N, C-alpha and C. Protein backbone atom coordinates (compact mmCIF):
# COMPACT_ATOMS: atom_id res chain seq x y z
N MET A 1 52.17 80.99 -139.54
CA MET A 1 53.16 80.01 -139.92
C MET A 1 53.36 78.84 -139.78
N ASN A 2 53.77 78.12 -140.68
CA ASN A 2 53.79 76.51 -140.20
C ASN A 2 54.98 75.97 -140.36
N LEU A 3 55.29 76.14 -139.01
CA LEU A 3 56.29 75.69 -138.31
C LEU A 3 56.76 74.12 -138.52
N ARG A 4 56.98 73.30 -139.42
CA ARG A 4 57.57 72.20 -139.26
C ARG A 4 59.26 71.62 -138.96
N GLY A 5 59.33 70.30 -138.74
CA GLY A 5 60.73 70.09 -138.89
C GLY A 5 61.82 71.17 -138.07
N ASP A 6 62.91 71.22 -138.77
CA ASP A 6 63.92 72.14 -138.17
C ASP A 6 63.82 73.76 -137.94
N TYR A 7 62.68 73.83 -138.67
CA TYR A 7 62.00 75.58 -138.85
C TYR A 7 61.86 75.74 -137.57
N LYS A 8 60.77 74.97 -136.73
CA LYS A 8 60.17 75.61 -135.23
C LYS A 8 61.17 75.78 -134.70
N THR A 9 62.26 74.68 -134.35
CA THR A 9 63.17 75.28 -133.32
C THR A 9 64.16 76.58 -133.90
N LYS A 10 64.20 76.57 -134.98
CA LYS A 10 65.06 77.73 -135.67
C LYS A 10 64.45 79.03 -135.37
N ILE A 11 62.96 79.26 -135.48
CA ILE A 11 61.92 79.99 -135.72
C ILE A 11 61.81 80.21 -134.16
N LEU A 12 61.52 79.42 -133.29
CA LEU A 12 61.46 80.13 -132.20
C LEU A 12 62.29 80.28 -131.57
N SER A 13 63.79 79.85 -131.31
CA SER A 13 64.60 80.30 -131.26
C SER A 13 64.82 81.87 -131.61
N TYR A 14 64.43 82.40 -132.74
CA TYR A 14 64.89 83.62 -132.72
C TYR A 14 63.35 84.32 -132.21
N ILE A 15 62.26 83.92 -132.15
CA ILE A 15 61.51 84.59 -131.26
C ILE A 15 62.04 85.14 -130.01
N GLN A 16 62.71 83.85 -129.20
CA GLN A 16 62.87 84.36 -127.87
C GLN A 16 63.97 85.57 -127.75
N GLY A 17 64.76 85.13 -129.00
CA GLY A 17 65.99 86.30 -128.84
C GLY A 17 65.46 87.65 -129.38
N ILE A 18 64.60 88.13 -129.80
CA ILE A 18 64.05 89.03 -130.58
C ILE A 18 62.76 89.81 -130.08
N TYR A 19 61.96 88.96 -129.77
CA TYR A 19 60.87 89.00 -129.07
C TYR A 19 60.04 88.30 -127.74
N PRO A 20 61.27 88.36 -126.94
CA PRO A 20 60.97 87.35 -125.77
C PRO A 20 60.08 87.57 -124.82
N ASN A 21 59.03 88.45 -125.10
CA ASN A 21 57.83 88.43 -124.50
C ASN A 21 56.46 87.85 -125.12
N LEU A 22 57.08 87.19 -126.53
CA LEU A 22 56.05 86.85 -126.56
C LEU A 22 56.33 85.34 -126.89
N ILE A 23 57.18 84.68 -126.34
CA ILE A 23 57.41 83.14 -126.29
C ILE A 23 56.94 82.81 -125.92
N ASN A 24 56.04 83.09 -124.63
CA ASN A 24 55.19 82.32 -123.95
C ASN A 24 54.11 81.85 -125.24
N GLU A 25 53.20 82.49 -125.31
CA GLU A 25 52.73 82.30 -126.66
C GLU A 25 52.83 81.38 -127.51
N TYR A 26 54.18 81.45 -127.83
CA TYR A 26 54.42 80.97 -129.32
C TYR A 26 54.85 79.56 -128.64
N ASN A 27 55.09 79.21 -127.63
CA ASN A 27 54.99 77.83 -127.16
C ASN A 27 54.08 77.44 -126.83
N ASP A 28 53.11 78.05 -126.72
CA ASP A 28 51.65 77.77 -126.35
C ASP A 28 50.71 77.21 -127.26
N ILE A 29 51.06 77.80 -128.68
CA ILE A 29 50.45 77.79 -130.02
C ILE A 29 51.49 76.04 -130.79
N TYR A 30 52.59 76.52 -130.70
CA TYR A 30 53.30 75.67 -131.34
C TYR A 30 53.71 73.95 -130.63
N ILE A 31 54.16 74.77 -129.15
CA ILE A 31 55.01 73.33 -128.47
C ILE A 31 53.93 72.36 -127.85
N LYS A 32 53.01 73.29 -127.21
CA LYS A 32 51.57 72.36 -126.55
C LYS A 32 50.55 71.78 -127.15
N GLY A 33 50.84 73.33 -128.31
CA GLY A 33 49.05 72.78 -129.40
C GLY A 33 48.02 73.22 -129.14
N ASN A 34 48.02 74.26 -128.18
CA ASN A 34 46.51 75.10 -127.87
C ASN A 34 46.11 75.36 -128.74
N LYS A 35 44.96 74.93 -129.35
CA LYS A 35 44.34 75.41 -130.87
C LYS A 35 43.15 76.96 -130.58
N LYS A 36 43.56 77.56 -129.29
CA LYS A 36 42.46 78.49 -128.97
C LYS A 36 42.63 79.45 -129.71
N TYR A 37 44.28 79.82 -130.28
CA TYR A 37 43.89 81.04 -131.05
C TYR A 37 43.62 80.88 -132.56
N TRP A 38 43.91 79.70 -133.07
CA TRP A 38 43.49 79.31 -134.35
C TRP A 38 42.01 79.50 -134.35
N ASN A 39 41.23 79.08 -133.49
CA ASN A 39 39.91 79.00 -133.39
C ASN A 39 39.18 80.28 -133.48
N ASP A 40 39.74 81.06 -132.32
CA ASP A 40 39.23 83.03 -132.36
C ASP A 40 40.02 83.24 -133.51
N LEU A 41 41.09 83.12 -134.54
CA LEU A 41 41.11 83.71 -135.36
C LEU A 41 40.41 83.07 -136.59
N SER A 42 40.06 82.08 -136.73
CA SER A 42 39.33 81.27 -137.25
C SER A 42 37.78 82.01 -137.83
N GLU A 43 37.28 82.21 -136.74
CA GLU A 43 35.92 82.60 -136.19
C GLU A 43 35.57 83.91 -136.41
N GLU A 44 37.36 85.19 -136.36
CA GLU A 44 37.05 86.34 -136.49
C GLU A 44 36.62 86.49 -137.75
N ILE A 45 37.78 85.69 -138.91
CA ILE A 45 37.65 86.00 -140.55
C ILE A 45 36.67 85.19 -140.78
N LYS A 46 35.72 84.07 -139.95
CA LYS A 46 34.34 83.79 -140.71
C LYS A 46 33.70 84.68 -140.61
N GLU A 47 33.39 85.47 -139.49
CA GLU A 47 32.34 86.66 -139.29
C GLU A 47 32.75 87.93 -140.08
N TYR A 48 34.17 88.33 -140.09
CA TYR A 48 34.30 89.06 -141.31
C TYR A 48 33.73 89.33 -142.97
N CYS A 49 34.18 87.91 -143.22
CA CYS A 49 33.65 87.03 -144.54
C CYS A 49 32.23 86.93 -144.69
N GLU A 50 31.36 87.15 -143.63
CA GLU A 50 30.20 86.55 -144.09
C GLU A 50 29.47 87.92 -143.89
N ILE A 51 30.03 89.15 -143.02
CA ILE A 51 29.62 90.41 -142.94
C ILE A 51 29.82 90.90 -144.38
N ASN A 52 30.77 90.75 -145.26
CA ASN A 52 31.36 91.32 -146.08
C ASN A 52 31.13 90.84 -147.48
N ASN A 53 30.29 89.50 -147.18
CA ASN A 53 29.64 88.62 -148.30
C ASN A 53 30.83 88.12 -149.18
N ILE A 54 32.08 87.54 -148.73
CA ILE A 54 33.08 87.19 -149.00
C ILE A 54 33.32 85.68 -149.00
N LYS A 55 33.50 84.88 -149.85
CA LYS A 55 33.46 83.34 -150.09
C LYS A 55 35.26 83.13 -149.31
N TYR A 56 35.08 82.76 -148.76
CA TYR A 56 36.78 81.91 -147.87
C TYR A 56 36.73 80.45 -147.83
N ILE A 57 38.01 79.86 -147.79
CA ILE A 57 38.55 78.54 -147.37
C ILE A 57 38.81 78.87 -146.31
N ASP A 58 38.85 78.09 -145.30
CA ASP A 58 39.49 77.80 -143.80
C ASP A 58 40.57 77.21 -143.84
N TYR A 59 42.12 77.47 -144.24
CA TYR A 59 43.39 76.99 -144.36
C TYR A 59 43.89 77.05 -142.99
N PHE A 60 43.53 76.93 -142.06
CA PHE A 60 43.88 77.08 -140.45
C PHE A 60 44.64 75.27 -140.13
N TYR A 61 43.17 74.70 -140.78
CA TYR A 61 43.66 73.37 -140.41
C TYR A 61 44.12 72.68 -141.14
N HIS A 62 45.14 72.45 -142.11
CA HIS A 62 45.51 71.84 -143.22
C HIS A 62 45.14 70.25 -143.02
N GLU A 63 46.04 69.82 -141.93
CA GLU A 63 45.68 68.82 -141.61
C GLU A 63 44.54 67.64 -141.66
N LYS A 64 43.30 68.99 -141.66
CA LYS A 64 41.81 68.35 -141.45
C LYS A 64 41.78 68.20 -143.03
N LEU A 65 41.98 69.47 -143.88
CA LEU A 65 41.82 69.55 -145.45
C LEU A 65 42.35 68.04 -146.38
N VAL A 66 44.13 67.80 -145.47
CA VAL A 66 44.44 66.75 -146.29
C VAL A 66 43.92 65.48 -146.35
N GLU A 67 43.13 65.59 -144.89
CA GLU A 67 42.74 64.15 -144.92
C GLU A 67 41.48 63.95 -145.45
N ASN A 68 40.57 64.92 -145.37
CA ASN A 68 39.45 65.31 -146.17
C ASN A 68 39.67 64.55 -147.21
N LYS A 69 40.50 65.24 -148.14
CA LYS A 69 40.61 65.15 -149.70
C LYS A 69 41.33 63.24 -149.70
N LYS A 70 42.16 62.87 -149.19
CA LYS A 70 42.36 61.66 -148.73
C LYS A 70 40.93 60.92 -148.98
N ASN A 71 39.70 60.92 -148.24
CA ASN A 71 38.55 60.38 -147.98
C ASN A 71 37.66 60.48 -149.41
N VAL A 72 38.15 61.82 -150.18
CA VAL A 72 37.10 61.88 -151.52
C VAL A 72 37.65 60.67 -152.78
N LYS A 73 36.87 60.49 -153.11
CA LYS A 73 37.07 59.10 -154.24
C LYS A 73 36.41 59.80 -155.19
C-alpha cells in the first residue's frame, strides 16, 4: 500500500476501526517509518524469484527508483 497525503490518515483510521489488532503494526510501518517489514518481504520475494528463475524488479523502494532515474543521463 502506498499511503500518501490525506489517504494515510483515512486508511489508518479505517484500520483502527475495523482491525484494531493490526494498528500498531501499520503505525510502525507508515508512521514511524520502520523498514523491517519491507526489507523482509523484499528478501522473501527475491529468494522465491531466484529459486523459480523469475526475473523481477523490486518496487518497494519507489523513492529510490525515482532518484536513480533522475541520475541516469
